[in-house]
Protein backbone atom coordinates (compact mmCIF):
# COMPACT_ATOMS: atom_id res chain seq x y z
CA UNK A 1 -59.41 35.81 39.08
CA UNK A 2 -63.20 36.01 39.30
CA UNK A 3 -64.22 39.67 39.58
CA UNK A 4 -67.62 39.18 41.18
CA UNK A 5 -71.20 40.11 40.32
CA UNK A 6 -72.67 43.55 39.73
CA UNK A 7 -76.47 43.82 40.03
CA UNK A 8 -77.76 46.95 38.29
CA UNK A 9 -81.37 48.16 38.69
CA UNK A 10 -82.70 44.60 38.83
CA UNK A 11 -86.47 44.27 38.95
CA UNK A 12 -88.51 41.06 38.80
CA UNK A 13 -92.17 40.13 38.36
CA UNK A 14 -94.44 37.13 38.70
CA UNK A 15 -97.09 38.05 36.14
CA UNK A 16 -98.38 41.50 37.11
CA UNK A 17 -96.90 41.36 40.61
CA UNK A 18 -93.55 43.11 41.01
CA UNK A 19 -91.40 41.40 43.66
CA UNK A 20 -88.02 43.16 43.21
CA UNK A 21 -87.61 46.92 42.74
CA UNK A 22 -84.43 48.34 41.16
CA UNK A 23 -81.99 46.32 43.27
CA UNK A 24 -78.35 47.47 43.10
CA UNK A 25 -75.47 45.61 44.75
CA UNK A 26 -71.92 44.40 44.16
CA UNK A 27 -71.01 40.86 45.18
CA UNK A 28 -67.28 40.52 45.74
CA UNK A 29 -65.42 37.52 44.34
CA UNK A 30 -64.37 34.78 46.78
CA UNK A 31 -66.33 36.23 49.65
CA UNK A 32 -69.60 35.23 51.34
CA UNK A 33 -72.49 37.63 50.84
CA UNK A 34 -75.66 37.12 52.89
CA UNK A 35 -79.15 38.31 51.97
CA UNK A 36 -81.44 38.79 54.98
CA UNK A 37 -85.00 40.00 55.38
CA UNK A 38 -88.46 38.82 56.49
CA UNK A 39 -90.33 36.01 54.74
CA UNK A 40 -91.75 37.02 51.38
CA UNK A 41 -89.43 39.99 50.89
CA UNK A 42 -87.89 38.64 47.64
CA UNK A 43 -84.67 37.03 48.91
CA UNK A 44 -85.09 33.74 47.02
CA UNK A 45 -86.28 35.54 43.89
CA UNK A 46 -83.17 37.72 43.98
CA UNK A 47 -80.72 34.83 43.98
CA UNK A 48 -82.78 32.91 41.41
CA UNK A 49 -82.30 35.93 39.13
CA UNK A 50 -78.53 35.49 39.47
CA UNK A 51 -78.53 32.19 37.56
CA UNK A 52 -81.61 32.82 35.40
CA UNK A 53 -83.80 30.33 37.24
CA UNK A 54 -86.47 32.97 37.87
CA UNK A 55 -87.41 33.02 34.20
CA UNK A 56 -88.33 29.30 34.15
CA UNK A 57 -91.48 30.17 36.14
CA UNK A 58 -94.42 30.86 33.77
CA UNK A 59 -95.05 34.60 33.29
CA UNK A 60 -91.96 35.55 35.31
CA UNK A 61 -89.75 38.30 33.91
CA UNK A 62 -86.73 40.42 34.77
CA UNK A 63 -85.40 43.85 33.84
CA UNK A 64 -82.02 45.38 34.62
CA UNK A 65 -78.56 43.86 34.36
CA UNK A 66 -76.59 41.17 36.16
CA UNK A 67 -72.90 41.38 35.26
CA UNK A 68 -70.99 38.20 36.11
CA UNK A 69 -67.27 38.75 35.66
CA UNK A 70 -68.16 41.82 33.58
CA UNK A 71 -70.61 40.06 31.25
CA UNK A 72 -74.38 40.64 31.32
CA UNK A 73 -75.99 37.21 31.77
CA UNK A 74 -79.27 38.62 30.39
CA UNK A 75 -77.72 39.71 27.08
CA UNK A 76 -79.58 38.16 24.09
CA UNK A 77 -76.64 36.02 22.98
CA UNK A 78 -76.09 34.40 26.40
CA UNK A 79 -77.22 30.78 26.85
CA UNK A 80 -79.07 30.41 30.20
CA UNK A 81 -77.93 26.78 30.46
CA UNK A 82 -74.32 27.95 30.38
CA UNK A 83 -75.13 30.55 33.05
CA UNK A 84 -76.48 27.80 35.32
CA UNK A 85 -73.32 25.76 34.81
CA UNK A 86 -71.20 28.68 36.03
CA UNK A 87 -73.53 29.58 38.88
CA UNK A 88 -74.48 26.55 40.96
CA UNK A 89 -77.34 26.42 43.44
CA UNK A 90 -78.09 24.61 46.69
CA UNK A 91 -81.70 24.65 47.83
CA UNK A 92 -83.47 24.93 51.16
CA UNK A 93 -84.28 21.24 51.42
CA UNK A 94 -81.61 18.70 50.45
CA UNK A 95 -82.60 17.26 47.08
CA UNK A 96 -80.26 14.41 46.08
CA UNK A 97 -81.51 12.47 43.07
CA UNK A 98 -83.35 9.68 44.93
CA UNK A 99 -82.78 6.90 42.40
CA UNK A 100 -79.03 7.61 42.11
CA UNK A 101 -76.10 6.47 44.21
CA UNK A 102 -73.91 8.89 46.13
CA UNK A 103 -71.31 8.56 43.35
CA UNK A 104 -73.80 9.16 40.54
CA UNK A 105 -75.32 12.16 42.32
CA UNK A 106 -71.94 13.91 42.30
CA UNK A 107 -71.08 12.77 38.76
CA UNK A 108 -74.47 13.72 37.27
CA UNK A 109 -73.48 17.19 36.04
CA UNK A 110 -70.21 15.93 34.58
CA UNK A 111 -71.99 13.19 32.63
CA UNK A 112 -74.54 15.74 31.41
CA UNK A 113 -71.59 17.74 30.05
CA UNK A 114 -70.39 14.68 28.11
CA UNK A 115 -67.63 13.47 30.44
CA UNK A 116 -67.50 9.66 30.41
CA UNK A 117 -63.89 8.78 31.26
CA UNK A 118 -64.05 6.71 34.44
CA UNK A 119 -60.73 7.84 35.89
CA UNK A 120 -61.66 11.50 35.53
CA UNK A 121 -65.12 10.92 37.04
CA UNK A 122 -63.54 9.07 39.99
CA UNK A 123 -61.10 11.92 40.61
CA UNK A 124 -63.75 14.64 40.46
CA UNK A 125 -66.21 12.72 42.66
CA UNK A 126 -63.54 12.15 45.31
CA UNK A 127 -62.32 15.76 45.17
CA UNK A 128 -65.86 17.19 45.34
CA UNK A 129 -66.82 14.99 48.29
CA UNK A 130 -63.60 15.97 50.06
CA UNK A 131 -64.30 19.67 49.45
CA UNK A 132 -67.81 19.12 50.81
CA UNK A 133 -66.33 17.49 53.96
CA UNK A 134 -68.21 14.27 53.21
CA UNK A 135 -65.61 11.91 51.72
CA UNK A 136 -64.52 10.27 54.98
CA UNK A 137 -68.14 9.53 55.88
CA UNK A 138 -69.18 7.93 52.56
CA UNK A 139 -66.02 6.67 50.80
CA UNK A 140 -66.89 3.04 51.58
CA UNK A 141 -70.56 3.44 50.60
CA UNK A 142 -70.47 5.31 47.28
CA UNK A 143 -72.97 2.87 45.73
CA UNK A 144 -75.59 3.53 48.41
CA UNK A 145 -78.52 5.77 47.52
CA UNK A 146 -77.96 9.46 48.15
CA UNK A 147 -81.32 9.60 49.90
CA UNK A 148 -80.09 7.06 52.51
CA UNK A 149 -77.89 9.74 54.09
CA UNK A 150 -78.88 11.98 57.01
CA UNK A 151 -80.30 15.44 56.25
CA UNK A 152 -77.00 17.20 56.90
CA UNK A 153 -75.09 14.66 54.80
CA UNK A 154 -77.61 15.03 51.99
CA UNK A 155 -77.10 18.79 51.99
CA UNK A 156 -73.32 18.34 51.80
CA UNK A 157 -73.88 15.83 48.97
CA UNK A 158 -75.87 18.51 47.12
CA UNK A 159 -72.99 20.94 47.66
CA UNK A 160 -70.54 18.33 46.29
CA UNK A 161 -72.82 17.88 43.26
CA UNK A 162 -72.91 21.64 42.68
CA UNK A 163 -69.13 22.13 42.89
CA UNK A 164 -68.25 19.05 40.80
CA UNK A 165 -68.78 21.06 37.60
CA UNK A 166 -66.48 23.82 38.96
CA UNK A 167 -68.83 26.81 38.95
CA UNK A 168 -67.61 30.33 39.70
CA UNK A 169 -70.48 31.08 42.08
CA UNK A 170 -72.41 29.01 44.61
CA UNK A 171 -75.90 30.24 45.52
CA UNK A 172 -77.38 28.85 48.75
CA UNK A 173 -81.08 29.37 49.47
CA UNK A 174 -81.66 28.82 53.21
CA UNK A 175 -79.29 25.80 53.14
CA UNK A 176 -79.56 25.10 56.88
CA UNK A 177 -83.24 25.76 57.60
CA UNK A 178 -84.13 22.04 57.54
CA UNK A 179 -81.05 20.96 59.54
CA UNK A 180 -80.29 20.49 63.23
CA UNK A 181 -77.67 22.69 65.00
CA UNK A 182 -74.83 20.14 64.57
CA UNK A 183 -75.43 19.78 60.82
CA UNK A 184 -75.84 23.56 60.53
CA UNK A 185 -72.44 24.13 62.15
CA UNK A 186 -70.84 21.73 59.63
CA UNK A 187 -72.42 23.55 56.68
CA UNK A 188 -71.28 26.93 58.05
CA UNK A 189 -67.73 25.64 58.50
CA UNK A 190 -67.85 24.23 54.98
CA UNK A 191 -68.95 27.58 53.53
CA UNK A 192 -66.01 29.29 55.21
CA UNK A 193 -63.64 26.73 53.66
CA UNK A 194 -65.22 26.93 50.20
CA UNK A 195 -64.95 30.71 49.85
CA UNK A 196 -61.23 30.24 49.09
CA UNK A 197 -62.32 28.88 45.71
CA UNK A 198 -65.90 30.07 45.21
CA UNK A 199 -67.98 33.21 45.43
CA UNK A 200 -70.88 32.37 47.76
CA UNK A 201 -74.25 34.08 48.12
CA UNK A 202 -76.45 32.80 50.94
CA UNK A 203 -80.08 33.62 51.65
CA UNK A 204 -80.84 33.16 55.34
CA UNK A 205 -83.60 34.07 57.78
CA UNK A 206 -81.06 33.51 60.57
CA UNK A 207 -79.33 36.81 61.30
CA UNK A 208 -76.83 35.15 63.64
CA UNK A 209 -75.82 32.87 60.78
CA UNK A 210 -75.33 35.86 58.47
CA UNK A 211 -73.20 37.54 61.12
CA UNK A 212 -71.10 34.38 61.63
CA UNK A 213 -70.31 33.43 58.03
CA UNK A 214 -70.54 36.46 55.74
CA UNK A 215 -68.31 39.43 54.95
CA UNK A 216 -71.13 41.39 53.28
CA UNK A 217 -74.86 41.55 53.99
CA UNK A 218 -77.84 43.00 52.17
CA UNK A 219 -81.13 43.72 53.91
CA UNK A 220 -84.11 43.24 51.60
CA UNK A 221 -87.59 44.52 52.49
CA UNK A 222 -90.66 44.31 50.24
CA UNK A 223 -88.39 43.77 47.24
CA UNK A 224 -86.22 46.82 47.95
CA UNK A 225 -82.54 46.63 48.92
CA UNK A 226 -82.77 48.84 51.99
CA UNK A 227 -79.10 48.60 52.95
CA UNK A 228 -76.02 46.76 51.73
CA UNK A 229 -72.50 46.78 53.14
CA UNK A 230 -69.96 45.08 55.35
CA UNK A 231 -71.64 42.58 57.67
CA UNK A 232 -70.09 43.86 60.88
CA UNK A 233 -70.96 47.45 60.06
CA UNK A 234 -74.53 46.62 59.03
CA UNK A 235 -75.21 44.72 62.26
CA UNK A 236 -73.49 47.15 64.63
CA UNK A 237 -74.06 50.58 63.07
CA UNK A 238 -76.81 50.29 60.43
CA UNK A 239 -77.36 53.47 58.41
CA UNK A 240 -81.07 52.98 57.74
CA UNK A 241 -83.60 53.00 60.62
CA UNK A 242 -85.56 50.18 58.95
CA UNK A 243 -82.44 48.00 59.07
CA UNK A 244 -81.98 48.80 62.73
CA UNK A 245 -85.62 47.98 63.47
CA UNK A 246 -85.30 44.61 61.74
CA UNK A 247 -82.03 43.46 63.29
CA UNK A 248 -83.17 44.51 66.78
CA UNK A 249 -86.39 42.52 66.39
CA UNK A 250 -88.88 45.38 66.31
CA UNK A 251 -90.46 43.87 63.19
CA UNK A 252 -90.00 40.88 60.90
């Protein structure tokens, strides 16, 4: 059973500019945790620190600890590529590989890991597309380009691609911001289904979305975790006046 993620005094920089300040939080396994806050507050940087993608930016650095299932992913002996296999990511704009078919988009990570057996690839592609609630819409068109799909379908394809390699955690950075309300509702329903098998962390500017889908919410402001707790409690009886000001629209 996946224990979750413990973030301990996490700070992050881009060159000389510090963008996260001693962030502490505990992300429960097989739950949805939302990160909210105004634009530029460090939300995307925070989740990119959870799978060591922050450090691929030139002059970016991190201090503190991120314990995934009890193990510090920033320990010297840990391979960042292995971290990214265990912690998948879905980005703000759908980004299927444009030259690849729907099938090959989902199978890409498996092939990268050396899996070539056709029967196994077929099984995983079908299962991943079913989990992403996309199979019925594309099962007769698996050879079509992934970029031929609608925006909402492309985002679900990217989710299928992420879960094909069976990660423990799924990070979602504003996954609905480029989608219409119908596609957004499908992604939210999908997240609720997926949390049975995956630990999900979602960054969203949409507070209603955070309230609808998550069990836990963190409010980030200027790189500081102002408040973290149960979603219902944070939205109805926030402990910090800055949280209350933000969720009632007085700033942000």
